[in-house]
Amino acid sequence: MLQKIDPGDVGAPGRYNLLGVVNTFRVNQNNTTTPLVELTAYSIVYGVTYTWAVTKATYVSDGGDVLASEKTAQVEAICAAPHVQGLRTEKDEDASDLLYNYAVITVGTDDGTITDTTSVRMDHLGTPGAFQQIADTWAALVKTGAPAAGV
């Protein structure tokens, strides 16, 4: 798993820095738009930067700090999962050609000699399916020769 830089409660204030908030929009399949707010934060605990988007209405009702705290807890849970060696975010289109932010999670041995990546939409990061993707990626690596212990 990724090395912790600093201990503390998952997602708690002081465990992240909210780096940026940008108003934007997403073009929908029917050529309408949805107003979004894109947030970027930095996990002090794991030293990773991540970007995700929420609807403008969600941002206005919940606020940046609440959203950053919640997303940080999700990111830190992924980073703490067995065999996770890295996390970054990038934009990509989903199956319906809509643009989303994805977590690209590096899964592999602790020494980094055997790795692969899996991608999870940032709005699905806190779901059991995200952890199952990590487990499935690790299982595939074990089948191709990674030591089951991950060392």
C-alpha atoms as a PDB file:
ATOM      1  CA  MET A   1       0.000   0.000   0.000  1.00  0.00           C
ATOM      2  CA  LEU A   2       1.032   3.611  -0.339  1.00  0.00           C
ATOM      3  CA  GLN A   3       3.179   4.922   2.487  1.00  0.00           C
ATOM      4  CA  LYS A   4       1.402   7.257   4.883  1.00  0.00           C
ATOM      5  CA  ILE A   5       3.080  10.612   5.324  1.00  0.00           C
ATOM      6  CA  ASP A   6       1.077  11.740   8.361  1.00  0.00           C
ATOM      7  CA  PRO A   7      -1.245   9.922  10.798  1.00  0.00           C
ATOM      8  CA  GLY A   8      -4.729  11.056  11.826  1.00  0.00           C
ATOM      9  CA  ASP A   9      -8.437  10.522  11.244  1.00  0.00           C
ATOM     10  CA  VAL A  10      -9.402   9.671   7.678  1.00  0.00           C
ATOM     11  CA  GLY A  11     -10.779  12.677   5.813  1.00  0.00           C
ATOM     12  CA  ALA A  12     -10.498  14.975   8.825  1.00  0.00           C
ATOM     13  CA  PRO A  13      -9.754  18.679   8.353  1.00  0.00           C
ATOM     14  CA  GLY A  14      -6.010  19.160   8.316  1.00  0.00           C
ATOM     15  CA  ARG A  15      -5.534  15.932   6.348  1.00  0.00           C
ATOM     16  CA  TYR A  16      -6.134  17.632   3.016  1.00  0.00           C
ATOM     17  CA  ASN A  17      -5.609  20.929   1.246  1.00  0.00           C
ATOM     18  CA  LEU A  18      -8.327  22.143  -1.073  1.00  0.00           C
ATOM     19  CA  LEU A  19      -6.192  23.427  -3.958  1.00  0.00           C
ATOM     20  CA  GLY A  20      -8.742  24.706  -6.422  1.00  0.00           C
ATOM     21  CA  VAL A  21     -12.399  25.167  -7.276  1.00  0.00           C
ATOM     22  CA  VAL A  22     -13.412  25.863 -10.884  1.00  0.00           C
ATOM     23  CA  ASN A  23     -16.858  26.444 -12.370  1.00  0.00           C
ATOM     24  CA  THR A  24     -17.348  24.409 -15.534  1.00  0.00           C
ATOM     25  CA  PHE A  25     -20.005  22.360 -17.311  1.00  0.00           C
ATOM     26  CA  ARG A  26     -20.534  18.985 -18.932  1.00  0.00           C
ATOM     27  CA  VAL A  27     -22.103  18.583 -22.372  1.00  0.00           C
ATOM     28  CA  ASN A  28     -24.807  15.925 -22.144  1.00  0.00           C
ATOM     29  CA  GLN A  29     -25.789  13.439 -24.857  1.00  0.00           C
ATOM     30  CA  ASN A  30     -28.762  15.594 -25.874  1.00  0.00           C
ATOM     31  CA  ASN A  31     -26.478  18.638 -26.339  1.00  0.00           C
ATOM     32  CA  THR A  32     -27.703  20.334 -23.155  1.00  0.00           C
ATOM     33  CA  THR A  33     -25.216  21.251 -20.459  1.00  0.00           C
ATOM     34  CA  THR A  34     -24.995  20.545 -16.750  1.00  0.00           C
ATOM     35  CA  PRO A  35     -23.304  23.173 -14.563  1.00  0.00           C
ATOM     36  CA  LEU A  36     -20.485  21.597 -12.566  1.00  0.00           C
ATOM     37  CA  VAL A  37     -17.858  22.618 -10.058  1.00  0.00           C
ATOM     38  CA  GLU A  38     -14.512  20.868 -10.365  1.00  0.00           C
ATOM     39  CA  LEU A  39     -12.508  20.555  -7.150  1.00  0.00           C
ATOM     40  CA  THR A  40      -8.852  19.632  -6.714  1.00  0.00           C
ATOM     41  CA  ALA A  41      -7.456  18.555  -3.355  1.00  0.00           C
ATOM     42  CA  TYR A  42      -4.231  17.143  -1.942  1.00  0.00           C
ATOM     43  CA  SER A  43      -4.114  14.341   0.645  1.00  0.00           C
ATOM     44  CA  ILE A  44      -1.483  15.280   3.186  1.00  0.00           C
ATOM     45  CA  VAL A  45      -1.531  11.702   4.483  1.00  0.00           C
ATOM     46  CA  TYR A  46      -0.709   9.979   1.167  1.00  0.00           C
ATOM     47  CA  GLY A  47       0.788  12.817  -0.862  1.00  0.00           C
ATOM     48  CA  VAL A  48      -1.633  12.465  -3.767  1.00  0.00           C
ATOM     49  CA  THR A  49      -3.538  15.137  -5.675  1.00  0.00           C
ATOM     50  CA  TYR A  50      -6.991  14.344  -7.045  1.00  0.00           C
ATOM     51  CA  THR A  51      -9.681  16.143  -9.023  1.00  0.00           C
ATOM     52  CA  TRP A  52     -13.407  15.430  -9.173  1.00  0.00           C
ATOM     53  CA  ALA A  53     -16.581  17.224 -10.205  1.00  0.00           C
ATOM     54  CA  VAL A  54     -19.946  17.754  -8.543  1.00  0.00           C
ATOM     55  CA  THR A  55     -23.048  19.539  -9.734  1.00  0.00           C
ATOM     56  CA  LYS A  56     -23.130  23.224  -8.977  1.00  0.00           C
ATOM     57  CA  ALA A  57     -26.230  22.617  -6.811  1.00  0.00           C
ATOM     58  CA  THR A  58     -24.325  20.074  -4.683  1.00  0.00           C
ATOM     59  CA  TYR A  59     -21.402  22.460  -4.289  1.00  0.00           C
ATOM     60  CA  VAL A  60     -23.689  25.324  -3.229  1.00  0.00           C
ATOM     61  CA  SER A  61     -25.596  23.170  -0.726  1.00  0.00           C
ATOM     62  CA  ASP A  62     -22.631  21.259   0.786  1.00  0.00           C
ATOM     63  CA  GLY A  63     -19.641  23.553   0.352  1.00  0.00           C
ATOM     64  CA  GLY A  64     -16.081  22.847  -0.684  1.00  0.00           C
ATOM     65  CA  ASP A  65     -14.746  21.770   2.710  1.00  0.00           C
ATOM     66  CA  VAL A  66     -17.440  19.149   3.265  1.00  0.00           C
ATOM     67  CA  LEU A  67     -16.990  17.781  -0.252  1.00  0.00           C
ATOM     68  CA  ALA A  68     -13.184  17.770   0.074  1.00  0.00           C
ATOM     69  CA  SER A  69     -13.346  15.997   3.427  1.00  0.00           C
ATOM     70  CA  GLU A  70     -15.669  13.322   2.033  1.00  0.00           C
ATOM     71  CA  LYS A  71     -13.613  12.756  -1.128  1.00  0.00           C
ATOM     72  CA  THR A  72     -10.378  12.711   0.877  1.00  0.00           C
ATOM     73  CA  ALA A  73     -11.792   9.928   3.060  1.00  0.00           C
ATOM     74  CA  GLN A  74     -12.614   7.941  -0.096  1.00  0.00           C
ATOM     75  CA  VAL A  75      -9.179   8.565  -1.638  1.00  0.00           C
ATOM     76  CA  GLU A  76      -7.400   7.617   1.585  1.00  0.00           C
ATOM     77  CA  ALA A  77      -9.429   4.403   1.893  1.00  0.00           C
ATOM     78  CA  ILE A  78      -8.345   3.441  -1.643  1.00  0.00           C
ATOM     79  CA  CYS A  79      -4.714   4.356  -0.929  1.00  0.00           C
ATOM     80  CA  ALA A  80      -4.779   2.209   2.231  1.00  0.00           C
ATOM     81  CA  ALA A  81      -6.149  -0.842   0.407  1.00  0.00           C
ATOM     82  CA  PRO A  82      -3.820  -3.830   0.052  1.00  0.00           C
ATOM     83  CA  HIS A  83      -1.555  -3.776  -3.015  1.00  0.00           C
ATOM     84  CA  VAL A  84      -2.339  -0.149  -3.964  1.00  0.00           C
ATOM     85  CA  GLN A  85       0.910   1.541  -4.968  1.00  0.00           C
ATOM     86  CA  GLY A  86      -0.311   4.811  -6.460  1.00  0.00           C
ATOM     87  CA  LEU A  87      -3.287   6.992  -7.385  1.00  0.00           C
ATOM     88  CA  ARG A  88      -3.702   9.814  -9.850  1.00  0.00           C
ATOM     89  CA  THR A  89      -6.715  11.335 -11.594  1.00  0.00           C
ATOM     90  CA  GLU A  90      -7.403  12.034 -15.240  1.00  0.00           C
ATOM     91  CA  LYS A  91     -10.362  12.905 -17.461  1.00  0.00           C
ATOM     92  CA  ASP A  92     -11.761  10.348 -19.857  1.00  0.00           C
ATOM     93  CA  GLU A  93     -15.007   9.539 -21.613  1.00  0.00           C
ATOM     94  CA  ASP A  94     -17.301   6.838 -20.295  1.00  0.00           C
ATOM     95  CA  ALA A  95     -19.188   4.332 -22.472  1.00  0.00           C
ATOM     96  CA  SER A  96     -21.802   6.988 -23.301  1.00  0.00           C
ATOM     97  CA  ASP A  97     -19.109   9.470 -24.451  1.00  0.00           C
ATOM     98  CA  LEU A  98     -19.552  11.773 -21.448  1.00  0.00           C
ATOM     99  CA  LEU A  99     -16.426  13.266 -19.894  1.00  0.00           C
ATOM    100  CA  TYR A 100     -15.714  12.257 -16.266  1.00  0.00           C
ATOM    101  CA  ASN A 101     -12.835  12.361 -13.795  1.00  0.00           C
ATOM    102  CA  TYR A 102     -11.306   8.948 -13.104  1.00  0.00           C
ATOM    103  CA  ALA A 103      -8.967   7.674 -10.401  1.00  0.00           C
ATOM    104  CA  VAL A 104      -6.197   5.684 -12.054  1.00  0.00           C
ATOM    105  CA  ILE A 105      -5.086   3.277  -9.339  1.00  0.00           C
ATOM    106  CA  THR A 106      -1.743   1.483  -9.574  1.00  0.00           C
ATOM    107  CA  VAL A 107      -1.928  -2.006  -8.088  1.00  0.00           C
ATOM    108  CA  GLY A 108       1.160  -4.151  -7.600  1.00  0.00           C
ATOM    109  CA  THR A 109       3.935  -5.549  -5.498  1.00  0.00           C
ATOM    110  CA  ASP A 110       5.418  -3.470  -2.696  1.00  0.00           C
ATOM    111  CA  ASP A 111       8.725  -3.186  -4.560  1.00  0.00           C
ATOM    112  CA  GLY A 112       6.914  -1.900  -7.657  1.00  0.00           C
ATOM    113  CA  THR A 113       8.390  -4.484 -10.011  1.00  0.00           C
ATOM    114  CA  ILE A 114       4.988  -5.907 -11.011  1.00  0.00           C
ATOM    115  CA  THR A 115       2.142  -3.417 -11.472  1.00  0.00           C
ATOM    116  CA  ASP A 116      -0.986  -2.729 -13.444  1.00  0.00           C
ATOM    117  CA  THR A 117      -3.621  -0.002 -13.311  1.00  0.00           C
ATOM    118  CA  THR A 118      -7.367   0.092 -12.964  1.00  0.00           C
ATOM    119  CA  SER A 119      -9.628   3.106 -13.451  1.00  0.00           C
ATOM    120  CA  VAL A 120     -12.615   4.062 -11.310  1.00  0.00           C
ATOM    121  CA  ARG A 121     -14.852   7.056 -11.907  1.00  0.00           C
ATOM    122  CA  MET A 122     -14.299   9.509  -9.078  1.00  0.00           C
ATOM    123  CA  ASP A 123     -18.018   9.589  -8.284  1.00  0.00           C
ATOM    124  CA  HIS A 124     -17.858   5.787  -7.777  1.00  0.00           C
ATOM    125  CA  LEU A 125     -14.714   5.818  -5.630  1.00  0.00           C
ATOM    126  CA  GLY A 126     -16.454   5.182  -2.305  1.00  0.00           C
ATOM    127  CA  THR A 127     -18.333   2.097  -3.512  1.00  0.00           C
ATOM    128  CA  PRO A 128     -17.547  -1.604  -2.948  1.00  0.00           C
ATOM    129  CA  GLY A 129     -17.065  -1.939  -6.715  1.00  0.00           C
ATOM    130  CA  ALA A 130     -13.932   0.225  -6.552  1.00  0.00           C
ATOM    131  CA  PHE A 131     -12.330  -2.138  -4.051  1.00  0.00           C
ATOM    132  CA  GLN A 132     -13.429  -5.143  -6.108  1.00  0.00           C
ATOM    133  CA  GLN A 133     -11.652  -3.694  -9.153  1.00  0.00           C
ATOM    134  CA  ILE A 134      -8.469  -3.420  -7.079  1.00  0.00           C
ATOM    135  CA  ALA A 135      -8.864  -7.019  -5.873  1.00  0.00           C
ATOM    136  CA  ASP A 136      -9.527  -8.240  -9.425  1.00  0.00           C
ATOM    137  CA  THR A 137      -6.456  -6.398 -10.734  1.00  0.00           C
ATOM    138  CA  TRP A 138      -4.312  -7.946  -7.998  1.00  0.00           C
ATOM    139  CA  ALA A 139      -5.729 -11.428  -8.704  1.00  0.00           C
ATOM    140  CA  ALA A 140      -4.821 -11.031 -12.383  1.00  0.00           C
ATOM    141  CA  LEU A 141      -1.271 -10.018 -11.405  1.00  0.00           C
ATOM    142  CA  VAL A 142      -0.939 -13.089  -9.157  1.00  0.00           C
ATOM    143  CA  LYS A 143      -2.053 -15.284 -12.082  1.00  0.00           C
ATOM    144  CA  THR A 144       0.745 -13.786 -14.189  1.00  0.00           C
ATOM    145  CA  GLY A 145       3.443 -14.361 -11.590  1.00  0.00           C
ATOM    146  CA  ALA A 146       3.191 -11.765  -8.829  1.00  0.00           C
ATOM    147  CA  PRO A 147       3.855 -13.339  -5.413  1.00  0.00           C
ATOM    148  CA  ALA A 148       0.523 -13.777  -3.575  1.00  0.00           C
ATOM    149  CA  ALA A 149       1.954 -11.955  -0.548  1.00  0.00           C
ATOM    150  CA  GLY A 150       2.694  -8.893  -2.681  1.00  0.00           C
ATOM    151  CA  VAL A 151       6.319  -8.554  -1.631  1.00  0.00           C
END
